[in-house]
Amino acid sequence: QVNGKEGEENKTPITHLRMLDTLIKKGNQINLCHRGVAKTTLFGEYGILYMAVYGNLPGFGELNYILYISDSMENGVKSMRKNLEVRYNNSEFLQKMLPKISFTDNSWIFTNISGHTLEVNGFGAKTGIRGTKKQGTRPQLAILDDLLSDEDAKSETQIANIENTVYKAVMHALHPKKHKIVWCGTPFNKKDPLYKAVESGAWNVNVFPVCEKFPCTREEF
């Protein structure tokens, strides 16, 4: 419906269905994926627009305020804003279901056909996040998307900063009683905070490596 008669360029991969099935479970979620699996399209573009249209997330409930956090304002956040605007401007369905929208660099506000408003604030991973509040409430959901840039991955200091962002800033910024984090990314190495979080056992986890050649044996994969 979002793309009208043209539909999608590609069929939905099974990995996306698995990630969405995990999304509606209780607890925080990690999706550790190879590059090119369209995780940003799924959770950023379609995820945000879905929650804006329906005003809720299945298995979680109503949503009024979301954080979208990427590597930087200039890269990930700016790209997401542009992608959301393009998707909206080219979709009769979205324009009907979301009659009122407002975009600034880091604030994207959607009002659906029933009058429900969802605000999404974008942040760079090294930006101050603590204490953010809108519509009288703290954010209920945080979408973390490829927090580590190529340059950051080489720096122990920046890796520590990213971990502080996740475990100190984001977790303490969310609503105290109703909250969820969805963290997606492609790790650079075993020092990557995402890799360490997967091994911690504290998250609902999906791990999707890339198969370098196919067909192959299970051992090769």
Protein backbone atom coordinates (compact mmCIF):
# COMPACT_ATOMS: atom_id res chain seq x y z
CA GLN A 1 0.00 0.00 0.00
CA VAL A 2 2.84 2.40 0.80
CA ASN A 3 4.28 2.07 -2.69
CA GLY A 4 1.00 1.83 -4.60
CA LYS A 5 0.83 -0.18 -7.81
CA GLU A 6 4.61 -0.23 -8.18
CA GLY A 7 5.01 -2.31 -5.05
CA GLU A 8 8.43 -3.33 -3.77
CA GLU A 9 11.59 -3.73 -5.80
CA ASN A 10 12.45 -6.93 -3.87
CA LYS A 11 10.45 -9.63 -2.10
CA THR A 12 10.47 -9.54 1.69
CA PRO A 13 13.35 -11.72 2.94
CA ILE A 14 12.69 -14.28 5.68
CA THR A 15 15.22 -12.43 7.87
CA HIS A 16 12.89 -9.40 7.99
CA LEU A 17 9.99 -11.59 9.12
CA ARG A 18 12.16 -13.12 11.84
CA MET A 19 13.23 -9.65 13.07
CA LEU A 20 9.61 -8.48 13.17
CA ASP A 21 8.48 -11.60 15.03
CA THR A 22 11.18 -10.88 17.63
CA LEU A 23 10.16 -7.22 17.78
CA ILE A 24 6.77 -7.97 19.31
CA LYS A 25 8.28 -10.04 22.13
CA LYS A 26 8.87 -8.48 25.54
CA GLY A 27 12.36 -7.12 26.20
CA ASN A 28 15.02 -5.27 24.25
CA GLN A 29 16.12 -6.51 20.84
CA ILE A 30 19.38 -6.72 18.90
CA ASN A 31 19.69 -7.43 15.19
CA LEU A 32 23.30 -8.16 14.27
CA CYS A 33 23.30 -8.33 10.49
CA HIS A 34 25.56 -8.32 7.47
CA ARG A 35 25.54 -5.22 5.28
CA GLY A 36 22.83 -4.90 2.68
CA VAL A 37 20.07 -6.67 4.59
CA ALA A 38 17.95 -3.47 4.61
CA LYS A 39 17.62 -3.31 8.40
CA THR A 40 17.51 0.51 8.30
CA THR A 41 14.73 0.41 5.71
CA LEU A 42 12.78 -2.06 7.84
CA PHE A 43 13.13 -0.47 11.29
CA GLY A 44 13.79 3.14 10.32
CA GLU A 45 11.64 3.91 7.32
CA TYR A 46 8.86 1.32 7.43
CA GLY A 47 9.01 0.88 11.18
CA ILE A 48 8.59 4.56 11.98
CA LEU A 49 5.92 5.07 9.31
CA TYR A 50 3.98 1.99 10.48
CA MET A 51 3.98 3.23 14.08
CA ALA A 52 2.95 6.70 12.90
CA VAL A 53 0.02 5.36 10.85
CA TYR A 54 -1.31 3.02 13.54
CA GLY A 55 -0.11 4.83 16.68
CA ASN A 56 1.14 1.66 18.32
CA LEU A 57 3.41 -1.35 18.15
CA PRO A 58 1.88 -4.85 18.41
CA GLY A 59 2.79 -6.51 21.68
CA PHE A 60 3.84 -3.17 23.17
CA GLY A 61 0.97 -0.72 22.92
CA GLU A 62 0.49 2.96 22.16
CA LEU A 63 3.46 5.10 21.15
CA ASN A 64 3.73 8.89 21.39
CA TYR A 65 7.45 9.52 21.41
CA ILE A 66 10.40 7.66 19.84
CA LEU A 67 14.16 8.20 19.68
CA TYR A 68 16.07 7.38 16.49
CA ILE A 69 19.82 7.24 17.12
CA SER A 70 22.48 6.70 14.46
CA ASP A 71 26.21 7.33 14.13
CA SER A 72 25.86 11.10 13.62
CA MET A 73 23.39 13.87 12.86
CA GLU A 74 25.14 14.60 9.58
CA ASN A 75 25.11 11.03 8.31
CA GLY A 76 22.53 8.59 9.67
CA VAL A 77 19.94 11.02 11.08
CA LYS A 78 19.95 13.32 8.05
CA SER A 79 19.67 10.32 5.71
CA MET A 80 16.70 8.93 7.64
CA ARG A 81 14.88 12.24 7.53
CA LYS A 82 15.39 12.44 3.76
CA ASN A 83 14.26 8.84 3.23
CA LEU A 84 11.10 9.34 5.30
CA GLU A 85 10.21 12.50 3.39
CA VAL A 86 10.77 10.88 -0.01
CA ARG A 87 8.73 7.82 0.99
CA TYR A 88 5.90 10.05 2.25
CA ASN A 89 5.90 12.44 -0.71
CA ASN A 90 5.63 9.55 -3.18
CA SER A 91 2.88 7.65 -1.38
CA GLU A 92 -0.83 8.47 -1.73
CA PHE A 93 -1.53 5.91 1.00
CA LEU A 94 0.77 7.61 3.53
CA GLN A 95 -0.56 11.06 2.66
CA LYS A 96 -4.08 9.81 3.31
CA MET A 97 -3.23 7.98 6.55
CA LEU A 98 -0.92 10.76 7.85
CA PRO A 99 -2.65 14.01 6.81
CA LYS A 100 -0.36 16.19 8.93
CA ILE A 101 3.44 15.92 9.15
CA SER A 102 6.28 18.20 10.20
CA PHE A 103 10.00 17.72 9.56
CA THR A 104 12.97 19.56 11.00
CA ASP A 105 16.53 18.22 11.11
CA ASN A 106 16.02 16.21 14.29
CA SER A 107 12.26 16.27 14.93
CA TRP A 108 9.74 14.38 12.78
CA ILE A 109 6.09 14.71 13.84
CA PHE A 110 3.26 12.66 12.35
CA THR A 111 -0.47 13.04 13.01
CA ASN A 112 -2.56 10.14 11.71
CA ILE A 113 -6.07 10.11 10.30
CA SER A 114 -7.49 9.49 13.82
CA GLY A 115 -5.66 12.51 15.29
CA HIS A 116 -2.97 10.53 17.13
CA THR A 117 0.44 12.24 17.13
CA LEU A 118 3.80 10.49 17.13
CA GLU A 119 7.02 12.48 17.50
CA VAL A 120 10.39 11.04 16.55
CA ASN A 121 13.60 12.78 17.64
CA GLY A 122 16.87 12.00 15.88
CA PHE A 123 20.24 11.99 17.68
CA GLY A 124 23.83 11.26 16.81
CA ALA A 125 25.35 8.53 18.99
CA LYS A 126 27.74 10.97 20.65
CA THR A 127 25.07 13.64 21.25
CA GLY A 128 23.53 14.38 24.63
CA ILE A 129 20.29 12.40 24.99
CA ARG A 130 19.52 12.42 28.71
CA GLY A 131 16.38 14.11 30.04
CA THR A 132 14.49 14.41 26.76
CA LYS A 133 10.70 14.72 27.14
CA LYS A 134 7.82 15.48 24.74
CA GLN A 135 4.04 15.65 25.12
CA GLY A 136 4.61 15.33 28.87
CA THR A 137 6.20 11.90 28.61
CA ARG A 138 9.58 10.29 28.12
CA PRO A 139 10.24 8.25 24.97
CA GLN A 140 8.82 4.75 25.01
CA LEU A 141 10.97 3.34 22.20
CA ALA A 142 14.54 3.85 21.02
CA ILE A 143 15.74 2.65 17.61
CA LEU A 144 19.55 2.36 17.54
CA ASP A 145 20.88 2.05 14.01
CA ASP A 146 24.56 1.48 13.08
CA LEU A 147 25.93 3.56 15.97
CA LEU A 148 29.59 3.01 15.13
CA SER A 149 31.16 4.71 12.10
CA ASP A 150 34.29 3.42 10.34
CA GLU A 151 36.42 5.99 12.16
CA ASP A 152 34.83 5.38 15.56
CA ALA A 153 35.56 1.65 15.29
CA LYS A 154 39.31 2.43 15.40
CA SER A 155 39.08 4.41 18.64
CA GLU A 156 38.84 2.86 22.11
CA THR A 157 37.57 6.20 23.42
CA GLN A 158 34.74 6.39 20.90
CA ILE A 159 33.79 2.77 21.53
CA ALA A 160 33.51 3.61 25.24
CA ASN A 161 31.43 6.69 24.38
CA ILE A 162 29.01 4.59 22.35
CA GLU A 163 28.61 2.13 25.24
CA ASN A 164 27.88 5.05 27.56
CA THR A 165 25.28 6.31 25.10
CA VAL A 166 23.45 2.98 25.12
CA TYR A 167 23.71 1.94 28.76
CA LYS A 168 23.71 5.29 30.53
CA ALA A 169 22.08 7.89 28.26
CA VAL A 170 19.47 5.96 26.27
CA MET A 171 18.37 3.47 28.92
CA HIS A 172 17.91 6.22 31.50
CA ALA A 173 16.17 8.54 29.04
CA LEU A 174 13.31 6.15 28.33
CA HIS A 175 9.96 5.94 30.08
CA PRO A 176 10.52 4.19 33.44
CA LYS A 177 7.55 1.80 33.18
CA LYS A 178 7.03 1.26 29.46
CA HIS A 179 10.08 1.11 27.25
CA LYS A 180 11.87 -0.86 24.56
CA ILE A 181 15.18 -0.64 22.67
CA VAL A 182 15.78 -2.04 19.19
CA TRP A 183 19.49 -2.03 18.29
CA CYS A 184 20.54 -2.89 14.74
CA GLY A 185 24.00 -2.88 13.23
CA THR A 186 26.89 -4.56 11.48
CA PRO A 187 29.85 -5.04 13.85
CA PHE A 188 33.37 -4.09 12.76
CA ASN A 189 35.15 -6.45 15.16
CA LYS A 190 34.76 -8.20 18.52
CA LYS A 191 35.35 -4.91 20.36
CA ASP A 192 32.21 -3.48 18.81
CA PRO A 193 29.64 -2.69 21.56
CA LEU A 194 26.95 -4.45 19.51
CA TYR A 195 29.01 -7.67 19.39
CA LYS A 196 29.59 -7.53 23.15
CA ALA A 197 25.89 -6.91 23.80
CA VAL A 198 24.95 -10.01 21.78
CA GLU A 199 27.30 -12.14 23.86
CA SER A 200 26.00 -10.69 27.14
CA GLY A 201 22.76 -12.68 26.97
CA ALA A 202 20.73 -9.69 28.15
CA TRP A 203 18.91 -9.04 24.85
CA ASN A 204 16.56 -10.83 22.47
CA VAL A 205 19.00 -11.53 19.67
CA ASN A 206 18.93 -12.15 15.93
CA VAL A 207 22.29 -12.83 14.23
CA PHE A 208 22.38 -12.93 10.43
CA PRO A 209 25.85 -13.41 8.93
CA VAL A 210 26.41 -13.27 5.19
CA CYS A 211 27.14 -16.42 3.22
CA GLU A 212 30.21 -15.69 1.07
CA LYS A 213 29.27 -18.35 -1.49
CA PHE A 214 26.20 -20.46 -2.09
CA PRO A 215 25.53 -23.34 -2.22
CA CYS A 216 27.88 -24.42 0.55
CA THR A 217 28.03 -26.85 3.44
CA ARG A 218 26.67 -25.95 6.87
CA GLU A 219 30.26 -26.04 8.24
CA GLU A 220 31.46 -23.58 5.59
CA PHE A 221 28.58 -21.23 6.34
